[in-house]
Amino acid sequence: MDDIRKHDHVLTPGRYVGAEEQEDDGEAFSDKMARLTAQLKEQFEESDKLESEIKKNLAGLGYGF
């Protein structure tokens, strides 16, 4: 209770539990962001294809929207 009072009754878990340290993977931030955003772009493109296919299949069953 003293800890909670000390933090003005804020119950955010990180204030009481802490966070595990992450090991540095050696990849530069800018390189990692470029890689991850390229991967995300590919995933969005795949998502668009799948959504289109699902809509087409639903329309074929008479459930288009």
PDB file of N, CA and C in Angstrom:
ATOM      1  N   MET A   1       0.823  -1.197   0.000  1.00  0.00           N
ATOM      2  CA  MET A   1       0.000   0.000   0.000  1.00  0.00           C
ATOM      3  C   MET A   1       0.868   1.262   0.000  1.00  0.00           C
ATOM      4  N   ASP A   2       1.997   1.193   0.693  1.00  0.00           N
ATOM      5  CA  ASP A   2       2.884   2.361   0.717  1.00  0.00           C
ATOM      6  C   ASP A   2       3.405   2.689  -0.683  1.00  0.00           C
ATOM      7  N   ASP A   3       3.758   1.650  -1.445  1.00  0.00           N
ATOM      8  CA  ASP A   3       4.227   1.878  -2.819  1.00  0.00           C
ATOM      9  C   ASP A   3       3.132   2.522  -3.654  1.00  0.00           C
ATOM     10  N   ILE A   4       1.911   2.068  -3.487  1.00  0.00           N
ATOM     11  CA  ILE A   4       0.792   2.614  -4.255  1.00  0.00           C
ATOM     12  C   ILE A   4       0.574   4.076  -3.889  1.00  0.00           C
ATOM     13  N   ARG A   5       0.621   4.391  -2.630  1.00  0.00           N
ATOM     14  CA  ARG A   5       0.487   5.792  -2.199  1.00  0.00           C
ATOM     15  C   ARG A   5       1.626   6.636  -2.756  1.00  0.00           C
ATOM     16  N   LYS A   6       2.846   6.074  -2.706  1.00  0.00           N
ATOM     17  CA  LYS A   6       4.023   6.799  -3.191  1.00  0.00           C
ATOM     18  C   LYS A   6       3.867   7.159  -4.672  1.00  0.00           C
ATOM     19  N   HIS A   7       3.184   6.307  -5.443  1.00  0.00           N
ATOM     20  CA  HIS A   7       2.967   6.550  -6.868  1.00  0.00           C
ATOM     21  C   HIS A   7       1.622   7.211  -7.134  1.00  0.00           C
ATOM     22  N   ASP A   8       1.073   7.849  -6.106  1.00  0.00           N
ATOM     23  CA  ASP A   8      -0.175   8.599  -6.220  1.00  0.00           C
ATOM     24  C   ASP A   8      -1.322   7.740  -6.757  1.00  0.00           C
ATOM     25  N   HIS A   9      -1.364   6.487  -6.285  1.00  0.00           N
ATOM     26  CA  HIS A   9      -2.429   5.534  -6.603  1.00  0.00           C
ATOM     27  C   HIS A   9      -2.512   5.160  -8.077  1.00  0.00           C
ATOM     28  N   VAL A  10      -1.406   5.342  -8.809  1.00  0.00           N
ATOM     29  CA  VAL A  10      -1.346   4.903 -10.199  1.00  0.00           C
ATOM     30  C   VAL A  10      -1.030   3.411 -10.178  1.00  0.00           C
ATOM     31  N   LEU A  11      -1.849   2.617 -10.872  1.00  0.00           N
ATOM     32  CA  LEU A  11      -1.713   1.165 -10.796  1.00  0.00           C
ATOM     33  C   LEU A  11      -1.089   0.546 -12.056  1.00  0.00           C
ATOM     34  N   THR A  12      -0.353   1.324 -12.810  1.00  0.00           N
ATOM     35  CA  THR A  12       0.328   0.799 -13.990  1.00  0.00           C
ATOM     36  C   THR A  12       1.321  -0.272 -13.540  1.00  0.00           C
ATOM     37  N   PRO A  13       1.212  -1.485 -14.072  1.00  0.00           N
ATOM     38  CA  PRO A  13       2.058  -2.581 -13.587  1.00  0.00           C
ATOM     39  C   PRO A  13       3.557  -2.299 -13.662  1.00  0.00           C
ATOM     40  N   GLY A  14       4.003  -1.601 -14.683  1.00  0.00           N
ATOM     41  CA  GLY A  14       5.424  -1.327 -14.833  1.00  0.00           C
ATOM     42  C   GLY A  14       6.038  -0.579 -13.657  1.00  0.00           C
ATOM     43  N   ARG A  15       5.231   0.146 -12.949  1.00  0.00           N
ATOM     44  CA  ARG A  15       5.749   0.882 -11.783  1.00  0.00           C
ATOM     45  C   ARG A  15       6.115  -0.052 -10.642  1.00  0.00           C
ATOM     46  N   TYR A  16       5.548  -1.234 -10.644  1.00  0.00           N
ATOM     47  CA  TYR A  16       5.731  -2.135  -9.503  1.00  0.00           C
ATOM     48  C   TYR A  16       6.487  -3.407  -9.870  1.00  0.00           C
ATOM     49  N   VAL A  17       6.458  -3.780 -11.132  1.00  0.00           N
ATOM     50  CA  VAL A  17       7.058  -5.047 -11.536  1.00  0.00           C
ATOM     51  C   VAL A  17       8.389  -4.840 -12.226  1.00  0.00           C
ATOM     52  N   GLY A  18       8.490  -3.809 -13.031  1.00  0.00           N
ATOM     53  CA  GLY A  18       9.710  -3.570 -13.789  1.00  0.00           C
ATOM     54  C   GLY A  18       9.654  -4.261 -15.138  1.00  0.00           C
ATOM     55  N   ALA A  19      10.670  -4.061 -15.927  1.00  0.00           N
ATOM     56  CA  ALA A  19      10.730  -4.666 -17.261  1.00  0.00           C
ATOM     57  C   ALA A  19      12.049  -5.421 -17.396  1.00  0.00           C
ATOM     58  N   GLU A  20      11.971  -6.536 -18.077  1.00  0.00           N
ATOM     59  CA  GLU A  20      13.154  -7.347 -18.290  1.00  0.00           C
ATOM     60  C   GLU A  20      14.072  -6.652 -19.281  1.00  0.00           C
ATOM     61  N   GLU A  21      15.355  -6.669 -19.007  1.00  0.00           N
ATOM     62  CA  GLU A  21      16.308  -6.055 -19.933  1.00  0.00           C
ATOM     63  C   GLU A  21      16.359  -6.860 -21.212  1.00  0.00           C
ATOM     64  N   GLN A  22      16.456  -6.146 -22.325  1.00  0.00           N
ATOM     65  CA  GLN A  22      16.524  -6.786 -23.623  1.00  0.00           C
ATOM     66  C   GLN A  22      17.973  -6.825 -24.090  1.00  0.00           C
ATOM     67  N   GLU A  23      18.344  -7.954 -24.672  1.00  0.00           N
ATOM     68  CA  GLU A  23      19.697  -8.104 -25.189  1.00  0.00           C
ATOM     69  C   GLU A  23      19.815  -7.351 -26.509  1.00  0.00           C
ATOM     70  N   ASP A  24      20.902  -6.639 -26.703  1.00  0.00           N
ATOM     71  CA  ASP A  24      21.144  -5.902 -27.945  1.00  0.00           C
ATOM     72  C   ASP A  24      21.433  -6.909 -29.049  1.00  0.00           C
ATOM     73  N   ASP A  25      20.679  -6.835 -30.135  1.00  0.00           N
ATOM     74  CA  ASP A  25      20.856  -7.792 -31.229  1.00  0.00           C
ATOM     75  C   ASP A  25      21.913  -7.337 -32.229  1.00  0.00           C
ATOM     76  N   GLY A  26      22.470  -6.162 -32.026  1.00  0.00           N
ATOM     77  CA  GLY A  26      23.544  -5.677 -32.876  1.00  0.00           C
ATOM     78  C   GLY A  26      23.077  -5.040 -34.178  1.00  0.00           C
ATOM     79  N   GLU A  27      21.756  -5.072 -34.436  1.00  0.00           N
ATOM     80  CA  GLU A  27      21.233  -4.479 -35.654  1.00  0.00           C
ATOM     81  C   GLU A  27      20.940  -3.001 -35.404  1.00  0.00           C
ATOM     82  N   ALA A  28      21.435  -2.151 -36.278  1.00  0.00           N
ATOM     83  CA  ALA A  28      21.229  -0.708 -36.126  1.00  0.00           C
ATOM     84  C   ALA A  28      19.732  -0.398 -36.216  1.00  0.00           C
ATOM     85  N   PHE A  29      19.288   0.570 -35.429  1.00  0.00           N
ATOM     86  CA  PHE A  29      17.872   0.921 -35.379  1.00  0.00           C
ATOM     87  C   PHE A  29      17.325   1.242 -36.760  1.00  0.00           C
ATOM     88  N   SER A  30      18.047   2.050 -37.527  1.00  0.00           N
ATOM     89  CA  SER A  30      17.557   2.443 -38.860  1.00  0.00           C
ATOM     90  C   SER A  30      17.434   1.226 -39.778  1.00  0.00           C
ATOM     91  N   ASP A  31      18.371   0.290 -39.676  1.00  0.00           N
ATOM     92  CA  ASP A  31      18.301  -0.934 -40.482  1.00  0.00           C
ATOM     93  C   ASP A  31      17.119  -1.796 -40.049  1.00  0.00           C
ATOM     94  N   LYS A  32      16.928  -1.901 -38.755  1.00  0.00           N
ATOM     95  CA  LYS A  32      15.827  -2.716 -38.236  1.00  0.00           C
ATOM     96  C   LYS A  32      14.486  -2.130 -38.652  1.00  0.00           C
ATOM     97  N   MET A  33      14.346  -0.812 -38.557  1.00  0.00           N
ATOM     98  CA  MET A  33      13.085  -0.177 -38.947  1.00  0.00           C
ATOM     99  C   MET A  33      12.825  -0.354 -40.437  1.00  0.00           C
ATOM    100  N   ALA A  34      13.854  -0.241 -41.254  1.00  0.00           N
ATOM    101  CA  ALA A  34      13.692  -0.432 -42.697  1.00  0.00           C
ATOM    102  C   ALA A  34      13.242  -1.868 -42.981  1.00  0.00           C
ATOM    103  N   ARG A  35      13.867  -2.839 -42.321  1.00  0.00           N
ATOM    104  CA  ARG A  35      13.519  -4.241 -42.513  1.00  0.00           C
ATOM    105  C   ARG A  35      12.095  -4.515 -42.048  1.00  0.00           C
ATOM    106  N   LEU A  36      11.746  -4.010 -40.866  1.00  0.00           N
ATOM    107  CA  LEU A  36      10.419  -4.274 -40.304  1.00  0.00           C
ATOM    108  C   LEU A  36       9.311  -3.580 -41.094  1.00  0.00           C
ATOM    109  N   THR A  37       9.546  -2.371 -41.564  1.00  0.00           N
ATOM    110  CA  THR A  37       8.506  -1.692 -42.346  1.00  0.00           C
ATOM    111  C   THR A  37       8.337  -2.356 -43.706  1.00  0.00           C
ATOM    112  N   ALA A  38       9.413  -2.875 -44.292  1.00  0.00           N
ATOM    113  CA  ALA A  38       9.296  -3.618 -45.550  1.00  0.00           C
ATOM    114  C   ALA A  38       8.494  -4.902 -45.325  1.00  0.00           C
ATOM    115  N   GLN A  39       8.759  -5.567 -44.219  1.00  0.00           N
ATOM    116  CA  GLN A  39       8.014  -6.779 -43.882  1.00  0.00           C
ATOM    117  C   GLN A  39       6.542  -6.454 -43.646  1.00  0.00           C
ATOM    118  N   LEU A  40       6.266  -5.373 -42.953  1.00  0.00           N
ATOM    119  CA  LEU A  40       4.890  -4.963 -42.694  1.00  0.00           C
ATOM    120  C   LEU A  40       4.166  -4.630 -43.992  1.00  0.00           C
ATOM    121  N   LYS A  41       4.863  -3.970 -44.916  1.00  0.00           N
ATOM    122  CA  LYS A  41       4.273  -3.652 -46.224  1.00  0.00           C
ATOM    123  C   LYS A  41       3.862  -4.932 -46.935  1.00  0.00           C
ATOM    124  N   GLU A  42       4.718  -5.946 -46.927  1.00  0.00           N
ATOM    125  CA  GLU A  42       4.395  -7.228 -47.545  1.00  0.00           C
ATOM    126  C   GLU A  42       3.183  -7.871 -46.867  1.00  0.00           C
ATOM    127  N   GLN A  43       3.132  -7.783 -45.553  1.00  0.00           N
ATOM    128  CA  GLN A  43       2.016  -8.374 -44.820  1.00  0.00           C
ATOM    129  C   GLN A  43       0.709  -7.646 -45.114  1.00  0.00           C
ATOM    130  N   PHE A  44       0.757  -6.327 -45.245  1.00  0.00           N
ATOM    131  CA  PHE A  44      -0.438  -5.565 -45.609  1.00  0.00           C
ATOM    132  C   PHE A  44      -0.913  -5.949 -47.010  1.00  0.00           C
ATOM    133  N   GLU A  45       0.027  -6.116 -47.936  1.00  0.00           N
ATOM    134  CA  GLU A  45      -0.336  -6.514 -49.296  1.00  0.00           C
ATOM    135  C   GLU A  45      -1.006  -7.879 -49.295  1.00  0.00           C
ATOM    136  N   GLU A  46      -0.450  -8.816 -48.531  1.00  0.00           N
ATOM    137  CA  GLU A  46      -1.048 -10.153 -48.413  1.00  0.00           C
ATOM    138  C   GLU A  46      -2.427 -10.061 -47.772  1.00  0.00           C
ATOM    139  N   SER A  47      -2.570  -9.217 -46.782  1.00  0.00           N
ATOM    140  CA  SER A  47      -3.859  -9.018 -46.115  1.00  0.00           C
ATOM    141  C   SER A  47      -4.903  -8.505 -47.103  1.00  0.00           C
ATOM    142  N   ASP A  48      -4.503  -7.550 -47.953  1.00  0.00           N
ATOM    143  CA  ASP A  48      -5.424  -7.006 -48.962  1.00  0.00           C
ATOM    144  C   ASP A  48      -5.879  -8.098 -49.930  1.00  0.00           C
ATOM    145  N   LYS A  49      -4.925  -8.960 -50.365  1.00  0.00           N
ATOM    146  CA  LYS A  49      -5.275 -10.057 -51.273  1.00  0.00           C
ATOM    147  C   LYS A  49      -6.271 -11.012 -50.606  1.00  0.00           C
ATOM    148  N   LEU A  50      -5.987 -11.364 -49.355  1.00  0.00           N
ATOM    149  CA  LEU A  50      -6.861 -12.293 -48.642  1.00  0.00           C
ATOM    150  C   LEU A  50      -8.247 -11.697 -48.417  1.00  0.00           C
ATOM    151  N   GLU A  51      -8.296 -10.424 -48.078  1.00  0.00           N
ATOM    152  CA  GLU A  51      -9.584  -9.763 -47.877  1.00  0.00           C
ATOM    153  C   GLU A  51     -10.393  -9.773 -49.171  1.00  0.00           C
ATOM    154  N   SER A  52      -9.736  -9.481 -50.272  1.00  0.00           N
ATOM    155  CA  SER A  52     -10.412  -9.468 -51.568  1.00  0.00           C
ATOM    156  C   SER A  52     -10.955 -10.861 -51.898  1.00  0.00           C
ATOM    157  N   GLU A  53     -10.167 -11.889 -51.656  1.00  0.00           N
ATOM    158  CA  GLU A  53     -10.585 -13.263 -51.932  1.00  0.00           C
ATOM    159  C   GLU A  53     -11.767 -13.673 -51.047  1.00  0.00           C
ATOM    160  N   ILE A  54     -11.715 -13.283 -49.792  1.00  0.00           N
ATOM    161  CA  ILE A  54     -12.825 -13.599 -48.873  1.00  0.00           C
ATOM    162  C   ILE A  54     -14.106 -12.914 -49.328  1.00  0.00           C
ATOM    163  N   LYS A  55     -14.014 -11.644 -49.710  1.00  0.00           N
ATOM    164  CA  LYS A  55     -15.195 -10.913 -50.181  1.00  0.00           C
ATOM    165  C   LYS A  55     -15.763 -11.559 -51.439  1.00  0.00           C
ATOM    166  N   LYS A  56     -14.870 -11.983 -52.347  1.00  0.00           N
ATOM    167  CA  LYS A  56     -15.304 -12.634 -53.582  1.00  0.00           C
ATOM    168  C   LYS A  56     -16.033 -13.946 -53.254  1.00  0.00           C
ATOM    169  N   ASN A  57     -15.470 -14.725 -52.341  1.00  0.00           N
ATOM    170  CA  ASN A  57     -16.094 -15.997 -51.959  1.00  0.00           C
ATOM    171  C   ASN A  57     -17.447 -15.778 -51.284  1.00  0.00           C
ATOM    172  N   LEU A  58     -17.526 -14.773 -50.425  1.00  0.00           N
ATOM    173  CA  LEU A  58     -18.810 -14.474 -49.766  1.00  0.00           C
ATOM    174  C   LEU A  58     -19.845 -14.021 -50.782  1.00  0.00           C
ATOM    175  N   ALA A  59     -19.427 -13.197 -51.733  1.00  0.00           N
ATOM    176  CA  ALA A  59     -20.353 -12.736 -52.771  1.00  0.00           C
ATOM    177  C   ALA A  59     -20.854 -13.929 -53.588  1.00  0.00           C
ATOM    178  N   GLY A  60     -19.981 -14.877 -53.852  1.00  0.00           N
ATOM    179  CA  GLY A  60     -20.375 -16.074 -54.582  1.00  0.00           C
ATOM    180  C   GLY A  60     -21.392 -16.921 -53.838  1.00  0.00           C
ATOM    181  N   LEU A  61     -21.403 -16.779 -52.524  1.00  0.00           N
ATOM    182  CA  LEU A  61     -22.368 -17.499 -51.691  1.00  0.00           C
ATOM    183  C   LEU A  61     -23.625 -16.674 -51.434  1.00  0.00           C
ATOM    184  N   GLY A  62     -23.665 -15.460 -51.996  1.00  0.00           N
ATOM    185  CA  GLY A  62     -24.814 -14.594 -51.811  1.00  0.00           C
ATOM    186  C   GLY A  62     -24.733 -13.716 -50.576  1.00  0.00           C
ATOM    187  N   TYR A  63     -23.549 -13.547 -50.036  1.00  0.00           N
ATOM    188  CA  TYR A  63     -23.387 -12.743 -48.831  1.00  0.00           C
ATOM    189  C   TYR A  63     -22.434 -11.566 -49.060  1.00  0.00           C
ATOM    190  N   GLY A  64     -22.491 -10.964 -50.215  1.00  0.00           N
ATOM    191  CA  GLY A  64     -21.616  -9.835 -50.510  1.00  0.00           C
ATOM    192  C   GLY A  64     -22.009  -8.602 -49.711  1.00  0.00           C
ATOM    193  N   PHE A  65     -21.052  -7.729 -49.539  1.00  0.00           N
ATOM    194  CA  PHE A  65     -21.341  -6.464 -48.860  1.00  0.00           C
ATOM    195  C   PHE A  65     -20.611  -5.328 -49.519  1.00  0.00           C
TER     196      PHE A  65
END
